Amino acid sequence: MKKKVYYKLTDKNGRTHGGCQWGEGVEHKAKGKGVKLCSSAVIHCYSSPELAVFANPVHANFDLQTAQLWEFEVDRIVSRDTLKLGCKLGKTIRRIRMPKMSIDQRVEVAIRCALLAKQDPTFVSWANKWLSKEAGAAEAADWADGAADWAARAAKAAGAADVDIQAILEQVLKED
């Protein structure tokens, strides 16, 4: 059976939560029983490099200036949510280039996700102004402070509404 490649984000030393060490050709098997994400039952990974970077603030919160991104080979995905996937057995293959994502791109992805999941009229009005660049520069700058974290949290919340974050990421990154 051909293994599919996903993506794994580690700190600058190739470690993930709990100090689990990864590197070229390193394989680990989940120790826990079941398929619950964010537990010892699965090893988590991402469907794309962009999603790994986008979700980082609400997952590992690694310093993206020094973090490492890996191609990650798995036999099969056993669990998933909007942002991450879980497998029982995974192997880091090789390090790859970290995609660059600006604060404005993160904010745009988050706004587009939130618009699909939330219909508060005040938010919708503000979001549409921001997306059309009508929001004042000072207002946008104030709001963008800490936006990477907010962006990932908004996307996670949007998961309840079955928002395709990967498609929105691709759309936003293609525009720039």
C-alpha atoms as a PDB file:
ATOM      1  CA  MET A   1       0.000   0.000   0.000  1.00  0.00           C
ATOM      2  CA  LYS A   2       1.390   3.406  -0.991  1.00  0.00           C
ATOM      3  CA  LYS A   3       1.831   5.774   1.931  1.00  0.00           C
ATOM      4  CA  LYS A   4       0.527   9.323   1.681  1.00  0.00           C
ATOM      5  CA  VAL A   5       2.623  12.337   2.581  1.00  0.00           C
ATOM      6  CA  TYR A   6       1.364  14.888   5.083  1.00  0.00           C
ATOM      7  CA  TYR A   7       3.252  17.525   7.090  1.00  0.00           C
ATOM      8  CA  LYS A   8       4.686  17.724  10.602  1.00  0.00           C
ATOM      9  CA  LEU A   9       5.826  20.865  12.414  1.00  0.00           C
ATOM     10  CA  THR A  10       8.540  20.676  15.097  1.00  0.00           C
ATOM     11  CA  ASP A  11      10.538  23.128  17.158  1.00  0.00           C
ATOM     12  CA  LYS A  12      14.045  24.187  16.150  1.00  0.00           C
ATOM     13  CA  ASN A  13      15.455  20.981  17.668  1.00  0.00           C
ATOM     14  CA  GLY A  14      13.061  18.670  15.820  1.00  0.00           C
ATOM     15  CA  ARG A  15      10.867  18.073  18.882  1.00  0.00           C
ATOM     16  CA  THR A  16       7.120  18.136  19.389  1.00  0.00           C
ATOM     17  CA  HIS A  17       4.904  18.099  22.475  1.00  0.00           C
ATOM     18  CA  GLY A  18       6.408  16.225  25.388  1.00  0.00           C
ATOM     19  CA  GLY A  19       9.892  16.327  23.850  1.00  0.00           C
ATOM     20  CA  CYS A  20       9.187  13.681  21.196  1.00  0.00           C
ATOM     21  CA  GLN A  21      12.251  13.751  18.918  1.00  0.00           C
ATOM     22  CA  TRP A  22      11.850  13.750  15.135  1.00  0.00           C
ATOM     23  CA  GLY A  23      14.392  13.900  12.325  1.00  0.00           C
ATOM     24  CA  GLU A  24      15.059  12.557   8.878  1.00  0.00           C
ATOM     25  CA  GLY A  25      13.768   8.981   8.726  1.00  0.00           C
ATOM     26  CA  VAL A  26      12.507   8.938  12.332  1.00  0.00           C
ATOM     27  CA  GLU A  27       9.358   6.889  12.912  1.00  0.00           C
ATOM     28  CA  HIS A  28       7.077   6.869  15.953  1.00  0.00           C
ATOM     29  CA  LYS A  29       4.011   4.891  16.884  1.00  0.00           C
ATOM     30  CA  ALA A  30       1.263   6.355  19.071  1.00  0.00           C
ATOM     31  CA  LYS A  31       1.227   4.704  22.480  1.00  0.00           C
ATOM     32  CA  GLY A  32      -2.373   5.277  23.562  1.00  0.00           C
ATOM     33  CA  LYS A  33      -5.526   3.408  22.638  1.00  0.00           C
ATOM     34  CA  GLY A  34      -8.327   4.921  20.578  1.00  0.00           C
ATOM     35  CA  VAL A  35      -8.208   7.709  18.017  1.00  0.00           C
ATOM     36  CA  LYS A  36      -8.763  10.886  20.055  1.00  0.00           C
ATOM     37  CA  LEU A  37      -6.807  13.891  18.804  1.00  0.00           C
ATOM     38  CA  CYS A  38      -4.579  15.743  21.289  1.00  0.00           C
ATOM     39  CA  SER A  39      -3.937  12.539  23.218  1.00  0.00           C
ATOM     40  CA  SER A  40      -1.321   9.804  23.312  1.00  0.00           C
ATOM     41  CA  ALA A  41      -3.634   7.783  21.044  1.00  0.00           C
ATOM     42  CA  VAL A  42      -2.532   9.545  17.855  1.00  0.00           C
ATOM     43  CA  ILE A  43       0.318  11.480  16.318  1.00  0.00           C
ATOM     44  CA  HIS A  44      -0.899  14.634  14.681  1.00  0.00           C
ATOM     45  CA  CYS A  45       0.011  16.118  11.351  1.00  0.00           C
ATOM     46  CA  TYR A  46      -1.390  18.508   8.749  1.00  0.00           C
ATOM     47  CA  SER A  47      -2.767  18.154   5.233  1.00  0.00           C
ATOM     48  CA  SER A  48      -0.603  21.000   3.877  1.00  0.00           C
ATOM     49  CA  PRO A  49       2.448  23.076   4.827  1.00  0.00           C
ATOM     50  CA  GLU A  50       0.265  26.196   4.857  1.00  0.00           C
ATOM     51  CA  LEU A  51      -2.222  24.681   7.286  1.00  0.00           C
ATOM     52  CA  ALA A  52       0.634  23.641   9.609  1.00  0.00           C
ATOM     53  CA  VAL A  53       1.877  27.238   9.714  1.00  0.00           C
ATOM     54  CA  PHE A  54      -1.608  28.718  10.028  1.00  0.00           C
ATOM     55  CA  ALA A  55      -2.634  26.423  12.915  1.00  0.00           C
ATOM     56  CA  ASN A  56       0.653  26.748  14.805  1.00  0.00           C
ATOM     57  CA  PRO A  57      -0.522  29.507  17.216  1.00  0.00           C
ATOM     58  CA  VAL A  58      -3.311  27.322  18.646  1.00  0.00           C
ATOM     59  CA  HIS A  59      -1.408  24.054  18.556  1.00  0.00           C
ATOM     60  CA  ALA A  60       2.311  24.003  19.337  1.00  0.00           C
ATOM     61  CA  ASN A  61       2.998  27.744  19.067  1.00  0.00           C
ATOM     62  CA  PHE A  62       6.539  27.145  17.841  1.00  0.00           C
ATOM     63  CA  ASP A  63       8.689  30.109  16.825  1.00  0.00           C
ATOM     64  CA  LEU A  64       8.207  29.951  13.058  1.00  0.00           C
ATOM     65  CA  GLN A  65      11.537  31.715  12.523  1.00  0.00           C
ATOM     66  CA  THR A  66      13.310  28.611  13.853  1.00  0.00           C
ATOM     67  CA  ALA A  67      10.711  25.801  13.626  1.00  0.00           C
ATOM     68  CA  GLN A  68      11.168  22.909  11.229  1.00  0.00           C
ATOM     69  CA  LEU A  69       8.596  21.620   8.764  1.00  0.00           C
ATOM     70  CA  TRP A  70       8.767  18.019   7.595  1.00  0.00           C
ATOM     71  CA  GLU A  71       7.217  15.832   4.947  1.00  0.00           C
ATOM     72  CA  PHE A  72       5.519  13.195   7.059  1.00  0.00           C
ATOM     73  CA  GLU A  73       4.588   9.751   5.796  1.00  0.00           C
ATOM     74  CA  VAL A  74       1.693   7.832   7.350  1.00  0.00           C
ATOM     75  CA  ASP A  75      -0.121   4.576   6.601  1.00  0.00           C
ATOM     76  CA  ARG A  76      -3.560   6.029   7.218  1.00  0.00           C
ATOM     77  CA  ILE A  77      -5.380   8.854   8.927  1.00  0.00           C
ATOM     78  CA  VAL A  78      -7.523   7.640  11.840  1.00  0.00           C
ATOM     79  CA  SER A  79      -8.940  10.959  13.101  1.00  0.00           C
ATOM     80  CA  ARG A  80      -9.313  14.552  11.987  1.00  0.00           C
ATOM     81  CA  ASP A  81     -10.720  17.929  12.842  1.00  0.00           C
ATOM     82  CA  THR A  82     -10.756  21.144  10.864  1.00  0.00           C
ATOM     83  CA  LEU A  83      -7.073  21.891  11.435  1.00  0.00           C
ATOM     84  CA  LYS A  84      -5.214  18.647  12.057  1.00  0.00           C
ATOM     85  CA  LEU A  85      -5.130  14.958  11.309  1.00  0.00           C
ATOM     86  CA  GLY A  86      -4.221  12.000  13.514  1.00  0.00           C
ATOM     87  CA  CYS A  87      -2.385   8.789  12.665  1.00  0.00           C
ATOM     88  CA  LYS A  88      -1.111   5.805  14.617  1.00  0.00           C
ATOM     89  CA  LEU A  89       2.259   5.540  12.887  1.00  0.00           C
ATOM     90  CA  GLY A  90       4.250   8.300  11.206  1.00  0.00           C
ATOM     91  CA  LYS A  91       7.702   8.937   9.837  1.00  0.00           C
ATOM     92  CA  THR A  92       9.408  12.265   9.132  1.00  0.00           C
ATOM     93  CA  ILE A  93      10.979  12.011   5.684  1.00  0.00           C
ATOM     94  CA  ARG A  94      12.791  15.275   4.987  1.00  0.00           C
ATOM     95  CA  ARG A  95      12.715  18.896   6.039  1.00  0.00           C
ATOM     96  CA  ILE A  96      11.032  21.292   3.655  1.00  0.00           C
ATOM     97  CA  ARG A  97      10.865  25.048   3.290  1.00  0.00           C
ATOM     98  CA  MET A  98       8.491  26.817   5.670  1.00  0.00           C
ATOM     99  CA  PRO A  99       5.788  28.701   3.746  1.00  0.00           C
ATOM    100  CA  LYS A 100       5.600  32.413   4.468  1.00  0.00           C
ATOM    101  CA  MET A 101       2.278  33.846   5.532  1.00  0.00           C
ATOM    102  CA  SER A 102       1.854  37.521   6.383  1.00  0.00           C
ATOM    103  CA  ILE A 103      -0.292  38.805   9.227  1.00  0.00           C
ATOM    104  CA  ASP A 104      -2.677  40.263   6.631  1.00  0.00           C
ATOM    105  CA  GLN A 105      -3.004  36.862   4.949  1.00  0.00           C
ATOM    106  CA  ARG A 106      -3.697  35.179   8.309  1.00  0.00           C
ATOM    107  CA  VAL A 107      -6.292  37.806   9.132  1.00  0.00           C
ATOM    108  CA  GLU A 108      -7.943  37.417   5.742  1.00  0.00           C
ATOM    109  CA  VAL A 109      -8.159  33.633   6.094  1.00  0.00           C
ATOM    110  CA  ALA A 110      -9.629  34.005   9.578  1.00  0.00           C
ATOM    111  CA  ILE A 111     -12.170  36.587   8.442  1.00  0.00           C
ATOM    112  CA  ARG A 112     -13.255  34.470   5.490  1.00  0.00           C
ATOM    113  CA  CYS A 113     -13.656  31.433   7.767  1.00  0.00           C
ATOM    114  CA  ALA A 114     -15.527  33.427  10.396  1.00  0.00           C
ATOM    115  CA  LEU A 115     -17.864  34.904   7.787  1.00  0.00           C
ATOM    116  CA  LEU A 116     -18.894  31.393   6.817  1.00  0.00           C
ATOM    117  CA  ALA A 117     -19.413  30.364  10.438  1.00  0.00           C
ATOM    118  CA  LYS A 118     -20.731  33.510  12.114  1.00  0.00           C
ATOM    119  CA  GLN A 119     -23.346  35.945  10.901  1.00  0.00           C
ATOM    120  CA  ASP A 120     -23.309  38.692  13.575  1.00  0.00           C
ATOM    121  CA  PRO A 121     -24.285  41.836  11.571  1.00  0.00           C
ATOM    122  CA  THR A 122     -21.691  44.088  13.265  1.00  0.00           C
ATOM    123  CA  PHE A 123     -18.923  41.595  12.562  1.00  0.00           C
ATOM    124  CA  VAL A 124     -20.088  41.010   8.985  1.00  0.00           C
ATOM    125  CA  SER A 125     -20.082  44.763   8.309  1.00  0.00           C
ATOM    126  CA  TRP A 126     -16.602  45.229   9.767  1.00  0.00           C
ATOM    127  CA  ALA A 127     -15.242  42.095   8.041  1.00  0.00           C
ATOM    128  CA  ASN A 128     -16.523  43.172   4.643  1.00  0.00           C
ATOM    129  CA  LYS A 129     -14.930  46.604   5.124  1.00  0.00           C
ATOM    130  CA  TRP A 130     -11.632  44.964   6.074  1.00  0.00           C
ATOM    131  CA  LEU A 131     -11.710  42.612   3.091  1.00  0.00           C
ATOM    132  CA  SER A 132     -12.483  45.485   0.713  1.00  0.00           C
ATOM    133  CA  LYS A 133      -9.687  47.564   2.308  1.00  0.00           C
ATOM    134  CA  GLU A 134     -12.197  50.186   3.516  1.00  0.00           C
ATOM    135  CA  ALA A 135     -11.194  49.766   7.164  1.00  0.00           C
ATOM    136  CA  GLY A 136      -8.875  52.535   8.261  1.00  0.00           C
ATOM    137  CA  ALA A 137      -5.185  51.727   8.460  1.00  0.00           C
ATOM    138  CA  ALA A 138      -5.043  52.562  12.181  1.00  0.00           C
ATOM    139  CA  GLU A 139      -8.067  50.362  12.938  1.00  0.00           C
ATOM    140  CA  ALA A 140      -6.616  47.502  10.904  1.00  0.00           C
ATOM    141  CA  ALA A 141      -3.191  47.863  12.538  1.00  0.00           C
ATOM    142  CA  ASP A 142      -4.701  47.850  16.044  1.00  0.00           C
ATOM    143  CA  TRP A 143      -6.745  44.790  15.239  1.00  0.00           C
ATOM    144  CA  ALA A 144      -3.885  42.976  13.530  1.00  0.00           C
ATOM    145  CA  ASP A 145      -1.868  43.040  16.764  1.00  0.00           C
ATOM    146  CA  GLY A 146      -2.025  39.412  17.838  1.00  0.00           C
ATOM    147  CA  ALA A 147      -3.985  38.470  14.737  1.00  0.00           C
ATOM    148  CA  ALA A 148      -2.073  35.259  14.058  1.00  0.00           C
ATOM    149  CA  ASP A 149      -3.422  33.746  17.257  1.00  0.00           C
ATOM    150  CA  TRP A 150      -6.911  35.114  16.640  1.00  0.00           C
ATOM    151  CA  ALA A 151      -6.817  33.862  13.074  1.00  0.00           C
ATOM    152  CA  ALA A 152      -6.121  30.279  14.055  1.00  0.00           C
ATOM    153  CA  ARG A 153      -8.708  30.410  16.874  1.00  0.00           C
ATOM    154  CA  ALA A 154     -11.335  31.742  14.471  1.00  0.00           C
ATOM    155  CA  ALA A 155     -10.523  28.997  12.005  1.00  0.00           C
ATOM    156  CA  LYS A 156     -10.801  26.370  14.731  1.00  0.00           C
ATOM    157  CA  ALA A 157     -14.204  27.739  15.736  1.00  0.00           C
ATOM    158  CA  ALA A 158     -15.234  27.737  12.086  1.00  0.00           C
ATOM    159  CA  GLY A 159     -14.656  23.981  12.046  1.00  0.00           C
ATOM    160  CA  ALA A 160     -18.022  23.503  13.670  1.00  0.00           C
ATOM    161  CA  ALA A 161     -19.542  24.967  10.495  1.00  0.00           C
ATOM    162  CA  ASP A 162     -17.599  22.615   8.161  1.00  0.00           C
ATOM    163  CA  VAL A 163     -15.511  25.436   6.709  1.00  0.00           C
ATOM    164  CA  ASP A 164     -12.892  24.250   4.190  1.00  0.00           C
ATOM    165  CA  ILE A 165      -9.915  26.132   5.626  1.00  0.00           C
ATOM    166  CA  GLN A 166      -7.491  24.591   3.120  1.00  0.00           C
ATOM    167  CA  ALA A 167      -9.490  25.992   0.190  1.00  0.00           C
ATOM    168  CA  ILE A 168      -9.602  29.439   1.823  1.00  0.00           C
ATOM    169  CA  LEU A 169      -5.841  29.320   2.502  1.00  0.00           C
ATOM    170  CA  GLU A 170      -5.170  28.439  -1.134  1.00  0.00           C
ATOM    171  CA  GLN A 171      -7.431  31.259  -2.346  1.00  0.00           C
ATOM    172  CA  VAL A 172      -5.820  33.900  -0.117  1.00  0.00           C
ATOM    173  CA  LEU A 173      -2.247  32.813  -0.822  1.00  0.00           C
ATOM    174  CA  LYS A 174      -2.917  32.657  -4.574  1.00  0.00           C
ATOM    175  CA  GLU A 175      -4.148  36.273  -4.584  1.00  0.00           C
ATOM    176  CA  ASP A 176      -0.807  37.658  -3.354  1.00  0.00           C
END
